[in-house]
Amino acid sequence: MVTVNIIYDGENIVGFKAEGHAGYARAGRDIYCAGVSAITGTALIGLQKHLTHPPIYQEKDGWLSCQLPLDIKKEDMANAQIILTTMEAGLRSLQETNPRYIKVIQGGAKYVQD
């Protein structure tokens, strides 16, 4: 199962961590893993493009973690929330139709890097 932990600080999403394998098909052929990767990867690209200071992220085989800079400006936070809440909506929609393969949880830890 792919698990995506969406990290909140109060009402704002400040990061996320996606890990695991859906198990629908072998690695490289799994449509659910590809869906999660596309949604989270696009969110990361959006954050990199639209924030004054890029997010902090790590990517390895099977997982991606991303967190907003601690000193994020108010305008950047507003842009980040548009991107991240859209990411969350897409992931929750995917989970709703495929709960066997995808789990979206809400976390409260501020730092997502291991």
PDB file of N, CA and C in Angstrom:
ATOM      1  N   MET A   1       0.844  -1.182   0.000  1.00  0.00           N
ATOM      2  CA  MET A   1       0.000   0.000   0.000  1.00  0.00           C
ATOM      3  C   MET A   1       0.886   1.240   0.000  1.00  0.00           C
ATOM      4  N   VAL A   2       0.513   2.224  -0.796  1.00  0.00           N
ATOM      5  CA  VAL A   2       1.192   3.517  -0.779  1.00  0.00           C
ATOM      6  C   VAL A   2       0.544   4.351   0.316  1.00  0.00           C
ATOM      7  N   THR A   3       1.355   4.908   1.188  1.00  0.00           N
ATOM      8  CA  THR A   3       0.858   5.777   2.247  1.00  0.00           C
ATOM      9  C   THR A   3       1.407   7.179   2.017  1.00  0.00           C
ATOM     10  N   VAL A   4       0.515   8.151   2.061  1.00  0.00           N
ATOM     11  CA  VAL A   4       0.932   9.548   1.963  1.00  0.00           C
ATOM     12  C   VAL A   4       0.534  10.240   3.253  1.00  0.00           C
ATOM     13  N   ASN A   5       1.535  10.716   3.970  1.00  0.00           N
ATOM     14  CA  ASN A   5       1.308  11.446   5.212  1.00  0.00           C
ATOM     15  C   ASN A   5       1.378  12.931   4.874  1.00  0.00           C
ATOM     16  N   ILE A   6       0.281  13.623   5.052  1.00  0.00           N
ATOM     17  CA  ILE A   6       0.219  15.057   4.787  1.00  0.00           C
ATOM     18  C   ILE A   6       0.394  15.767   6.123  1.00  0.00           C
ATOM     19  N   ILE A   7       1.428  16.591   6.191  1.00  0.00           N
ATOM     20  CA  ILE A   7       1.827  17.210   7.450  1.00  0.00           C
ATOM     21  C   ILE A   7       1.214  18.607   7.572  1.00  0.00           C
ATOM     22  N   TYR A   8       0.493  18.804   8.646  1.00  0.00           N
ATOM     23  CA  TYR A   8      -0.135  20.094   8.932  1.00  0.00           C
ATOM     24  C   TYR A   8       0.561  20.770  10.104  1.00  0.00           C
ATOM     25  N   ASP A   9       0.619  22.093  10.040  1.00  0.00           N
ATOM     26  CA  ASP A   9       1.001  22.918  11.181  1.00  0.00           C
ATOM     27  C   ASP A   9      -0.169  23.878  11.354  1.00  0.00           C
ATOM     28  N   GLY A  10      -1.046  23.567  12.276  1.00  0.00           N
ATOM     29  CA  GLY A  10      -2.290  24.327  12.385  1.00  0.00           C
ATOM     30  C   GLY A  10      -3.167  24.019  11.184  1.00  0.00           C
ATOM     31  N   GLU A  11      -3.587  25.051  10.476  1.00  0.00           N
ATOM     32  CA  GLU A  11      -4.459  24.869   9.316  1.00  0.00           C
ATOM     33  C   GLU A  11      -3.684  24.737   8.007  1.00  0.00           C
ATOM     34  N   ASN A  12      -2.383  24.944   8.048  1.00  0.00           N
ATOM     35  CA  ASN A  12      -1.584  24.924   6.830  1.00  0.00           C
ATOM     36  C   ASN A  12      -0.869  23.593   6.624  1.00  0.00           C
ATOM     37  N   ILE A  13      -0.866  23.143   5.387  1.00  0.00           N
ATOM     38  CA  ILE A  13      -0.050  21.992   5.024  1.00  0.00           C
ATOM     39  C   ILE A  13       1.381  22.501   4.895  1.00  0.00           C
ATOM     40  N   VAL A  14       2.309  21.848   5.592  1.00  0.00           N
ATOM     41  CA  VAL A  14       3.703  22.279   5.547  1.00  0.00           C
ATOM     42  C   VAL A  14       4.619  21.223   4.936  1.00  0.00           C
ATOM     43  N   GLY A  15       4.065  20.075   4.595  1.00  0.00           N
ATOM     44  CA  GLY A  15       4.879  19.040   3.973  1.00  0.00           C
ATOM     45  C   GLY A  15       4.097  17.771   3.747  1.00  0.00           C
ATOM     46  N   PHE A  16       4.780  16.815   3.153  1.00  0.00           N
ATOM     47  CA  PHE A  16       4.175  15.504   2.935  1.00  0.00           C
ATOM     48  C   PHE A  16       5.265  14.464   2.759  1.00  0.00           C
ATOM     49  N   LYS A  17       4.896  13.227   2.965  1.00  0.00           N
ATOM     50  CA  LYS A  17       5.807  12.109   2.743  1.00  0.00           C
ATOM     51  C   LYS A  17       5.004  10.975   2.125  1.00  0.00           C
ATOM     52  N   ALA A  18       5.432  10.524   0.970  1.00  0.00           N
ATOM     53  CA  ALA A  18       4.789   9.406   0.275  1.00  0.00           C
ATOM     54  C   ALA A  18       5.770   8.238   0.258  1.00  0.00           C
ATOM     55  N   GLU A  19       5.279   7.065   0.646  1.00  0.00           N
ATOM     56  CA  GLU A  19       6.158   5.899   0.668  1.00  0.00           C
ATOM     57  C   GLU A  19       5.365   4.615   0.480  1.00  0.00           C
ATOM     58  N   GLY A  20       6.069   3.594   0.097  1.00  0.00           N
ATOM     59  CA  GLY A  20       5.470   2.285  -0.055  1.00  0.00           C
ATOM     60  C   GLY A  20       5.185   1.938  -1.503  1.00  0.00           C
ATOM     61  N   HIS A  21       4.613   0.760  -1.681  1.00  0.00           N
ATOM     62  CA  HIS A  21       4.251   0.271  -3.009  1.00  0.00           C
ATOM     63  C   HIS A  21       2.810  -0.229  -2.951  1.00  0.00           C
ATOM     64  N   ALA A  22       2.016   0.162  -3.912  1.00  0.00           N
ATOM     65  CA  ALA A  22       0.589  -0.183  -3.908  1.00  0.00           C
ATOM     66  C   ALA A  22       0.359  -1.684  -3.958  1.00  0.00           C
ATOM     67  N   GLY A  23       1.184  -2.401  -4.685  1.00  0.00           N
ATOM     68  CA  GLY A  23       1.016  -3.844  -4.776  1.00  0.00           C
ATOM     69  C   GLY A  23       0.008  -4.290  -5.814  1.00  0.00           C
ATOM     70  N   TYR A  24      -0.427  -3.398  -6.662  1.00  0.00           N
ATOM     71  CA  TYR A  24      -1.366  -3.750  -7.730  1.00  0.00           C
ATOM     72  C   TYR A  24      -0.643  -4.499  -8.846  1.00  0.00           C
ATOM     73  N   ALA A  25       0.556  -4.058  -9.147  1.00  0.00           N
ATOM     74  CA  ALA A  25       1.376  -4.689 -10.186  1.00  0.00           C
ATOM     75  C   ALA A  25       2.836  -4.540  -9.775  1.00  0.00           C
ATOM     76  N   ARG A  26       3.720  -5.152 -10.536  1.00  0.00           N
ATOM     77  CA  ARG A  26       5.141  -5.066 -10.187  1.00  0.00           C
ATOM     78  C   ARG A  26       5.634  -3.625 -10.331  1.00  0.00           C
ATOM     79  N   ALA A  27       6.717  -3.347  -9.638  1.00  0.00           N
ATOM     80  CA  ALA A  27       7.306  -2.002  -9.674  1.00  0.00           C
ATOM     81  C   ALA A  27       7.575  -1.591 -11.120  1.00  0.00           C
ATOM     82  N   GLY A  28       7.229  -0.367 -11.430  1.00  0.00           N
ATOM     83  CA  GLY A  28       7.404   0.140 -12.791  1.00  0.00           C
ATOM     84  C   GLY A  28       6.177  -0.044 -13.658  1.00  0.00           C
ATOM     85  N   ARG A  29       5.226  -0.840 -13.202  1.00  0.00           N
ATOM     86  CA  ARG A  29       4.008  -1.112 -13.961  1.00  0.00           C
ATOM     87  C   ARG A  29       2.738  -0.842 -13.159  1.00  0.00           C
ATOM     88  N   ASP A  30       2.904  -0.357 -11.943  1.00  0.00           N
ATOM     89  CA  ASP A  30       1.771  -0.181 -11.030  1.00  0.00           C
ATOM     90  C   ASP A  30       1.098   1.175 -11.272  1.00  0.00           C
ATOM     91  N   ILE A  31      -0.144   1.144 -11.727  1.00  0.00           N
ATOM     92  CA  ILE A  31      -0.849   2.387 -12.059  1.00  0.00           C
ATOM     93  C   ILE A  31      -1.155   3.239 -10.831  1.00  0.00           C
ATOM     94  N   TYR A  32      -1.349   2.606  -9.683  1.00  0.00           N
ATOM     95  CA  TYR A  32      -1.647   3.368  -8.478  1.00  0.00           C
ATOM     96  C   TYR A  32      -0.400   4.076  -7.955  1.00  0.00           C
ATOM     97  N   CYS A  33       0.736   3.402  -7.996  1.00  0.00           N
ATOM     98  CA  CYS A  33       1.998   4.062  -7.639  1.00  0.00           C
ATOM     99  C   CYS A  33       2.269   5.215  -8.599  1.00  0.00           C
ATOM    100  N   ALA A  34       2.014   4.980  -9.869  1.00  0.00           N
ATOM    101  CA  ALA A  34       2.234   6.028 -10.869  1.00  0.00           C
ATOM    102  C   ALA A  34       1.321   7.225 -10.609  1.00  0.00           C
ATOM    103  N   GLY A  35       0.083   6.969 -10.220  1.00  0.00           N
ATOM    104  CA  GLY A  35      -0.849   8.058  -9.924  1.00  0.00           C
ATOM    105  C   GLY A  35      -0.381   8.902  -8.752  1.00  0.00           C
ATOM    106  N   VAL A  36       0.038   8.245  -7.680  1.00  0.00           N
ATOM    107  CA  VAL A  36       0.528   8.970  -6.509  1.00  0.00           C
ATOM    108  C   VAL A  36       1.802   9.740  -6.863  1.00  0.00           C
ATOM    109  N   SER A  37       2.684   9.106  -7.614  1.00  0.00           N
ATOM    110  CA  SER A  37       3.925   9.770  -8.023  1.00  0.00           C
ATOM    111  C   SER A  37       3.643  10.995  -8.885  1.00  0.00           C
ATOM    112  N   ALA A  38       2.691  10.876  -9.786  1.00  0.00           N
ATOM    113  CA  ALA A  38       2.349  12.006 -10.653  1.00  0.00           C
ATOM    114  C   ALA A  38       1.782  13.170  -9.843  1.00  0.00           C
ATOM    115  N   ILE A  39       0.906  12.877  -8.917  1.00  0.00           N
ATOM    116  CA  ILE A  39       0.278  13.939  -8.114  1.00  0.00           C
ATOM    117  C   ILE A  39       1.296  14.599  -7.194  1.00  0.00           C
ATOM    118  N   THR A  40       2.077  13.807  -6.457  1.00  0.00           N
ATOM    119  CA  THR A  40       3.039  14.389  -5.520  1.00  0.00           C
ATOM    120  C   THR A  40       4.200  15.061  -6.266  1.00  0.00           C
ATOM    121  N   GLY A  41       4.625  14.460  -7.358  1.00  0.00           N
ATOM    122  CA  GLY A  41       5.705  15.053  -8.150  1.00  0.00           C
ATOM    123  C   GLY A  41       5.299  16.376  -8.769  1.00  0.00           C
ATOM    124  N   THR A  42       4.075  16.454  -9.246  1.00  0.00           N
ATOM    125  CA  THR A  42       3.586  17.714  -9.810  1.00  0.00           C
ATOM    126  C   THR A  42       3.481  18.786  -8.730  1.00  0.00           C
ATOM    127  N   ALA A  43       3.059  18.400  -7.530  1.00  0.00           N
ATOM    128  CA  ALA A  43       3.008  19.364  -6.420  1.00  0.00           C
ATOM    129  C   ALA A  43       4.411  19.893  -6.118  1.00  0.00           C
ATOM    130  N   LEU A  44       5.394  19.009  -6.084  1.00  0.00           N
ATOM    131  CA  LEU A  44       6.773  19.435  -5.831  1.00  0.00           C
ATOM    132  C   LEU A  44       7.247  20.408  -6.910  1.00  0.00           C
ATOM    133  N   ILE A  45       6.979  20.103  -8.164  1.00  0.00           N
ATOM    134  CA  ILE A  45       7.363  21.001  -9.262  1.00  0.00           C
ATOM    135  C   ILE A  45       6.680  22.364  -9.104  1.00  0.00           C
ATOM    136  N   GLY A  46       5.400  22.357  -8.754  1.00  0.00           N
ATOM    137  CA  GLY A  46       4.671  23.612  -8.545  1.00  0.00           C
ATOM    138  C   GLY A  46       5.273  24.437  -7.430  1.00  0.00           C
ATOM    139  N   LEU A  47       5.643  23.791  -6.329  1.00  0.00           N
ATOM    140  CA  LEU A  47       6.265  24.501  -5.216  1.00  0.00           C
ATOM    141  C   LEU A  47       7.614  25.080  -5.627  1.00  0.00           C
ATOM    142  N   GLN A  48       8.388  24.304  -6.356  1.00  0.00           N
ATOM    143  CA  GLN A  48       9.697  24.780  -6.817  1.00  0.00           C
ATOM    144  C   GLN A  48       9.549  25.987  -7.743  1.00  0.00           C
ATOM    145  N   LYS A  49       8.520  25.984  -8.545  1.00  0.00           N
ATOM    146  CA  LYS A  49       8.314  27.054  -9.518  1.00  0.00           C
ATOM    147  C   LYS A  49       7.726  28.324  -8.904  1.00  0.00           C
ATOM    148  N   HIS A  50       6.869  28.179  -7.908  1.00  0.00           N
ATOM    149  CA  HIS A  50       6.098  29.329  -7.424  1.00  0.00           C
ATOM    150  C   HIS A  50       6.502  29.879  -6.060  1.00  0.00           C
ATOM    151  N   LEU A  51       7.498  29.297  -5.419  1.00  0.00           N
ATOM    152  CA  LEU A  51       7.943  29.826  -4.129  1.00  0.00           C
ATOM    153  C   LEU A  51       9.257  30.579  -4.290  1.00  0.00           C
ATOM    154  N   THR A  52       9.430  31.627  -3.507  1.00  0.00           N
ATOM    155  CA  THR A  52      10.672  32.386  -3.525  1.00  0.00           C
ATOM    156  C   THR A  52      11.847  31.503  -3.120  1.00  0.00           C
ATOM    157  N   HIS A  53      11.663  30.715  -2.067  1.00  0.00           N
ATOM    158  CA  HIS A  53      12.664  29.747  -1.621  1.00  0.00           C
ATOM    159  C   HIS A  53      12.071  28.357  -1.803  1.00  0.00           C
ATOM    160  N   PRO A  54      12.747  27.500  -2.514  1.00  0.00           N
ATOM    161  CA  PRO A  54      12.180  26.183  -2.837  1.00  0.00           C
ATOM    162  C   PRO A  54      11.979  25.311  -1.594  1.00  0.00           C
ATOM    163  N   PRO A  55      11.116  24.322  -1.690  1.00  0.00           N
ATOM    164  CA  PRO A  55      10.911  23.410  -0.576  1.00  0.00           C
ATOM    165  C   PRO A  55      12.144  22.521  -0.391  1.00  0.00           C
ATOM    166  N   ILE A  56      12.226  21.939   0.772  1.00  0.00           N
ATOM    167  CA  ILE A  56      13.276  20.961   1.075  1.00  0.00           C
ATOM    168  C   ILE A  56      12.678  19.596   0.753  1.00  0.00           C
ATOM    169  N   TYR A  57      13.367  18.817  -0.052  1.00  0.00           N
ATOM    170  CA  TYR A  57      12.809  17.512  -0.392  1.00  0.00           C
ATOM    171  C   TYR A  57      13.886  16.457  -0.503  1.00  0.00           C
ATOM    172  N   GLN A  58      13.471  15.214  -0.351  1.00  0.00           N
ATOM    173  CA  GLN A  58      14.321  14.041  -0.541  1.00  0.00           C
ATOM    174  C   GLN A  58      13.527  13.036  -1.339  1.00  0.00           C
ATOM    175  N   GLU A  59      14.219  12.382  -2.236  1.00  0.00           N
ATOM    176  CA  GLU A  59      13.576  11.396  -3.099  1.00  0.00           C
ATOM    177  C   GLU A  59      14.480  10.171  -3.155  1.00  0.00           C
ATOM    178  N   LYS A  60      13.904   9.015  -2.921  1.00  0.00           N
ATOM    179  CA  LYS A  60      14.621   7.742  -3.032  1.00  0.00           C
ATOM    180  C   LYS A  60      13.671   6.751  -3.667  1.00  0.00           C
ATOM    181  N   ASP A  61      14.153   5.561  -3.917  1.00  0.00           N
ATOM    182  CA  ASP A  61      13.298   4.520  -4.484  1.00  0.00           C
ATOM    183  C   ASP A  61      12.081   4.304  -3.593  1.00  0.00           C
ATOM    184  N   GLY A  62      10.909   4.586  -4.125  1.00  0.00           N
ATOM    185  CA  GLY A  62       9.683   4.291  -3.401  1.00  0.00           C
ATOM    186  C   GLY A  62       9.191   5.350  -2.443  1.00  0.00           C
ATOM    187  N   TRP A  63       9.921   6.461  -2.300  1.00  0.00           N
ATOM    188  CA  TRP A  63       9.379   7.491  -1.418  1.00  0.00           C
ATOM    189  C   TRP A  63       9.862   8.888  -1.780  1.00  0.00           C
ATOM    190  N   LEU A  64       9.046   9.850  -1.368  1.00  0.00           N
ATOM    191  CA  LEU A  64       9.331  11.265  -1.581  1.00  0.00           C
ATOM    192  C   LEU A  64       8.874  12.012  -0.344  1.00  0.00           C
ATOM    193  N   SER A  65       9.757  12.836   0.209  1.00  0.00           N
ATOM    194  CA  SER A  65       9.347  13.706   1.311  1.00  0.00           C
ATOM    195  C   SER A  65       9.624  15.144   0.910  1.00  0.00           C
ATOM    196  N   CYS A  66       8.777  16.034   1.368  1.00  0.00           N
ATOM    197  CA  CYS A  66       8.874  17.436   0.994  1.00  0.00           C
ATOM    198  C   CYS A  66       8.379  18.289   2.152  1.00  0.00           C
ATOM    199  N   GLN A  67       9.105  19.365   2.440  1.00  0.00           N
ATOM    200  CA  GLN A  67       8.635  20.289   3.470  1.00  0.00           C
ATOM    201  C   GLN A  67       8.889  21.718   3.018  1.00  0.00           C
ATOM    202  N   LEU A  68       7.991  22.585   3.413  1.00  0.00           N
ATOM    203  CA  LEU A  68       8.143  23.996   3.103  1.00  0.00           C
ATOM    204  C   LEU A  68       9.275  24.580   3.943  1.00  0.00           C
ATOM    205  N   PRO A  69       9.943  25.623   3.441  1.00  0.00           N
ATOM    206  CA  PRO A  69      10.986  26.270   4.246  1.00  0.00           C
ATOM    207  C   PRO A  69      10.380  26.828   5.535  1.00  0.00           C
ATOM    208  N   LEU A  70      11.148  26.780   6.608  1.00  0.00           N
ATOM    209  CA  LEU A  70      10.649  27.285   7.889  1.00  0.00           C
ATOM    210  C   LEU A  70      10.408  28.790   7.855  1.00  0.00           C
ATOM    211  N   ASP A  71      11.183  29.504   7.060  1.00  0.00           N
ATOM    212  CA  ASP A  71      11.059  30.963   6.995  1.00  0.00           C
ATOM    213  C   ASP A  71      10.220  31.413   5.793  1.00  0.00           C
ATOM    214  N   ILE A  72       9.219  30.638   5.455  1.00  0.00           N
ATOM    215  CA  ILE A  72       8.399  30.914   4.272  1.00  0.00           C
ATOM    216  C   ILE A  72       7.648  32.247   4.430  1.00  0.00           C
ATOM    217  N   LYS A  73       7.619  33.008   3.356  1.00  0.00           N
ATOM    218  CA  LYS A  73       6.921  34.292   3.356  1.00  0.00           C
ATOM    219  C   LYS A  73       5.412  34.069   3.263  1.00  0.00           C
ATOM    220  N   LYS A  74       4.656  35.039   3.739  1.00  0.00           N
ATOM    221  CA  LYS A  74       3.193  34.955   3.756  1.00  0.00           C
ATOM    222  C   LYS A  74       2.619  34.700   2.360  1.00  0.00           C
ATOM    223  N   GLU A  75       3.140  35.418   1.347  1.00  0.00           N
ATOM    224  CA  GLU A  75       2.641  35.241  -0.030  1.00  0.00           C
ATOM    225  C   GLU A  75       2.968  33.846  -0.545  1.00  0.00           C
ATOM    226  N   ASP A  76       4.166  33.358  -0.200  1.00  0.00           N
ATOM    227  CA  ASP A  76       4.556  32.020  -0.620  1.00  0.00           C
ATOM    228  C   ASP A  76       3.685  30.957   0.059  1.00  0.00           C
ATOM    229  N   MET A  77       3.354  31.186   1.323  1.00  0.00           N
ATOM    230  CA  MET A  77       2.500  30.232   2.032  1.00  0.00           C
ATOM    231  C   MET A  77       1.139  30.144   1.349  1.00  0.00           C
ATOM    232  N   ALA A  78       0.609  31.263   0.919  1.00  0.00           N
ATOM    233  CA  ALA A  78      -0.685  31.251   0.222  1.00  0.00           C
ATOM    234  C   ALA A  78      -0.588  30.447  -1.069  1.00  0.00           C
ATOM    235  N   ASN A  79       0.460  30.653  -1.841  1.00  0.00           N
ATOM    236  CA  ASN A  79       0.649  29.883  -3.072  1.00  0.00           C
ATOM    237  C   ASN A  79       0.846  28.394  -2.773  1.00  0.00           C
ATOM    238  N   ALA A  80       1.626  28.118  -1.736  1.00  0.00           N
ATOM    239  CA  ALA A  80       1.877  26.731  -1.359  1.00  0.00           C
ATOM    240  C   ALA A  80       0.582  26.023  -0.971  1.00  0.00           C
ATOM    241  N   GLN A  81      -0.314  26.726  -0.273  1.00  0.00           N
ATOM    242  CA  GLN A  81      -1.560  26.095   0.148  1.00  0.00           C
ATOM    243  C   GLN A  81      -2.447  25.745  -1.042  1.00  0.00           C
ATOM    244  N   ILE A  82      -2.443  26.572  -2.056  1.00  0.00           N
ATOM    245  CA  ILE A  82      -3.217  26.249  -3.261  1.00  0.00           C
ATOM    246  C   ILE A  82      -2.687  24.955  -3.882  1.00  0.00           C
ATOM    247  N   ILE A  83      -1.381  24.871  -3.997  1.00  0.00           N
ATOM    248  CA  ILE A  83      -0.758  23.686  -4.602  1.00  0.00           C
ATOM    249  C   ILE A  83      -0.982  22.454  -3.729  1.00  0.00           C
ATOM    250  N   LEU A  84      -0.722  22.578  -2.435  1.00  0.00           N
ATOM    251  CA  LEU A  84      -0.774  21.415  -1.545  1.00  0.00           C
ATOM    252  C   LEU A  84      -2.192  20.946  -1.248  1.00  0.00           C
ATOM    253  N   THR A  85      -3.146  21.854  -1.151  1.00  0.00           N
ATOM    254  CA  THR A  85      -4.527  21.404  -0.934  1.00  0.00           C
ATOM    255  C   THR A  85      -5.076  20.744  -2.203  1.00  0.00           C
ATOM    256  N   THR A  86      -4.633  21.201  -3.357  1.00  0.00           N
ATOM    257  CA  THR A  86      -5.019  20.524  -4.608  1.00  0.00           C
ATOM    258  C   THR A  86      -4.407  19.130  -4.656  1.00  0.00           C
ATOM    259  N   MET A  87      -3.136  19.002  -4.243  1.00  0.00           N
ATOM    260  CA  MET A  87      -2.492  17.692  -4.162  1.00  0.00           C
ATOM    261  C   MET A  87      -3.278  16.772  -3.230  1.00  0.00           C
ATOM    262  N   GLU A  88      -3.626  17.293  -2.064  1.00  0.00           N
ATOM    263  CA  GLU A  88      -4.364  16.477  -1.098  1.00  0.00           C
ATOM    264  C   GLU A  88      -5.716  16.039  -1.666  1.00  0.00           C
ATOM    265  N   ALA A  89      -6.423  16.931  -2.330  1.00  0.00           N
ATOM    266  CA  ALA A  89      -7.721  16.580  -2.919  1.00  0.00           C
ATOM    267  C   ALA A  89      -7.558  15.479  -3.956  1.00  0.00           C
ATOM    268  N   GLY A  90      -6.536  15.581  -4.791  1.00  0.00           N
ATOM    269  CA  GLY A  90      -6.285  14.545  -5.796  1.00  0.00           C
ATOM    270  C   GLY A  90      -5.959  13.207  -5.170  1.00  0.00           C
ATOM    271  N   LEU A  91      -5.124  13.214  -4.146  1.00  0.00           N
ATOM    272  CA  LEU A  91      -4.756  11.971  -3.461  1.00  0.00           C
ATOM    273  C   LEU A  91      -5.954  11.353  -2.749  1.00  0.00           C
ATOM    274  N   ARG A  92      -6.769  12.181  -2.103  1.00  0.00           N
ATOM    275  CA  ARG A  92      -7.944  11.642  -1.400  1.00  0.00           C
ATOM    276  C   ARG A  92      -8.967  11.069  -2.383  1.00  0.00           C
ATOM    277  N   SER A  93      -9.078  11.689  -3.544  1.00  0.00           N
ATOM    278  CA  SER A  93      -9.964  11.158  -4.578  1.00  0.00           C
ATOM    279  C   SER A  93      -9.461   9.795  -5.060  1.00  0.00           C
ATOM    280  N   LEU A  94      -8.160   9.697  -5.254  1.00  0.00           N
ATOM    281  CA  LEU A  94      -7.556   8.429  -5.665  1.00  0.00           C
ATOM    282  C   LEU A  94      -7.761   7.366  -4.589  1.00  0.00           C
ATOM    283  N   GLN A  95      -7.603   7.750  -3.328  1.00  0.00           N
ATOM    284  CA  GLN A  95      -7.815   6.828  -2.214  1.00  0.00           C
ATOM    285  C   GLN A  95      -9.270   6.371  -2.144  1.00  0.00           C
ATOM    286  N   GLU A  96     -10.169   7.290  -2.363  1.00  0.00           N
ATOM    287  CA  GLU A  96     -11.599   6.975  -2.277  1.00  0.00           C
ATOM    288  C   GLU A  96     -11.997   5.876  -3.266  1.00  0.00           C
ATOM    289  N   THR A  97     -11.438   5.940  -4.442  1.00  0.00           N
ATOM    290  CA  THR A  97     -11.790   4.936  -5.455  1.00  0.00           C
ATOM    291  C   THR A  97     -10.905   3.693  -5.394  1.00  0.00           C
ATOM    292  N   ASN A  98      -9.790   3.760  -4.640  1.00  0.00           N
ATOM    293  CA  ASN A  98      -8.840   2.649  -4.580  1.00  0.00           C
ATOM    294  C   ASN A  98      -8.278   2.464  -3.172  1.00  0.00           C
ATOM    295  N   PRO A  99      -9.134   2.299  -2.155  1.00  0.00           N
ATOM    296  CA  PRO A  99      -8.655   2.268  -0.769  1.00  0.00           C
ATOM    297  C   PRO A  99      -7.756   1.067  -0.454  1.00  0.00           C
ATOM    298  N   ARG A 100      -7.775   0.082  -1.288  1.00  0.00           N
ATOM    299  CA  ARG A 100      -6.937  -1.100  -1.071  1.00  0.00           C
ATOM    300  C   ARG A 100      -5.462  -0.810  -1.362  1.00  0.00           C
ATOM    301  N   TYR A 101      -5.209   0.210  -2.176  1.00  0.00           N
ATOM    302  CA  TYR A 101      -3.858   0.472  -2.648  1.00  0.00           C
ATOM    303  C   TYR A 101      -3.260   1.781  -2.151  1.00  0.00           C
ATOM    304  N   ILE A 102      -4.091   2.716  -1.705  1.00  0.00           N
ATOM    305  CA  ILE A 102      -3.622   4.055  -1.339  1.00  0.00           C
ATOM    306  C   ILE A 102      -4.249   4.478  -0.018  1.00  0.00           C
ATOM    307  N   LYS A 103      -3.407   5.013   0.864  1.00  0.00           N
ATOM    308  CA  LYS A 103      -3.890   5.519   2.146  1.00  0.00           C
ATOM    309  C   LYS A 103      -3.312   6.919   2.352  1.00  0.00           C
ATOM    310  N   VAL A 104      -4.189   7.884   2.612  1.00  0.00           N
ATOM    311  CA  VAL A 104      -3.777   9.257   2.889  1.00  0.00           C
ATOM    312  C   VAL A 104      -4.069   9.528   4.349  1.00  0.00           C
ATOM    313  N   ILE A 105      -3.050   9.942   5.077  1.00  0.00           N
ATOM    314  CA  ILE A 105      -3.226  10.246   6.495  1.00  0.00           C
ATOM    315  C   ILE A 105      -2.775  11.680   6.753  1.00  0.00           C
ATOM    316  N   GLN A 106      -3.262  12.237   7.832  1.00  0.00           N
ATOM    317  CA  GLN A 106      -2.900  13.587   8.222  1.00  0.00           C
ATOM    318  C   GLN A 106      -2.037  13.519   9.463  1.00  0.00           C
ATOM    319  N   GLY A 107      -0.846  14.086   9.354  1.00  0.00           N
ATOM    320  CA  GLY A 107       0.084  14.079  10.474  1.00  0.00           C
ATOM    321  C   GLY A 107       0.256  15.466  11.055  1.00  0.00           C
ATOM    322  N   GLY A 108       0.880  15.523  12.201  1.00  0.00           N
ATOM    323  CA  GLY A 108       1.076  16.803  12.844  1.00  0.00           C
ATOM    324  C   GLY A 108       2.533  17.185  13.021  1.00  0.00           C
ATOM    325  N   ALA A 109       3.442  16.279  12.662  1.00  0.00           N
ATOM    326  CA  ALA A 109       4.869  16.577  12.816  1.00  0.00           C
ATOM    327  C   ALA A 109       5.285  17.655  11.837  1.00  0.00           C
ATOM    328  N   LYS A 110       6.078  18.593  12.278  1.00  0.00           N
ATOM    329  CA  LYS A 110       6.476  19.698  11.422  1.00  0.00           C
ATOM    330  C   LYS A 110       7.570  19.282  10.440  1.00  0.00           C
ATOM    331  N   TYR A 111       8.447  18.389  10.847  1.00  0.00           N
ATOM    332  CA  TYR A 111       9.539  17.972   9.977  1.00  0.00           C
ATOM    333  C   TYR A 111       9.237  16.600   9.402  1.00  0.00           C
ATOM    334  N   VAL A 112       9.429  16.449   8.108  1.00  0.00           N
ATOM    335  CA  VAL A 112       9.093  15.195   7.459  1.00  0.00           C
ATOM    336  C   VAL A 112      10.320  14.399   7.044  1.00  0.00           C
ATOM    337  N   GLN A 113      11.500  14.986   7.048  1.00  0.00           N
ATOM    338  CA  GLN A 113      12.693  14.262   6.650  1.00  0.00           C
ATOM    339  C   GLN A 113      13.097  13.290   7.749  1.00  0.00           C
ATOM    340  N   ASP A 114      13.616  12.158   7.315  1.00  0.00           N
ATOM    341  CA  ASP A 114      14.120  11.157   8.275  1.00  0.00           C
ATOM    342  C   ASP A 114      15.533  11.496   8.716  1.00  0.00           C
TER     343      ASP A 114
END
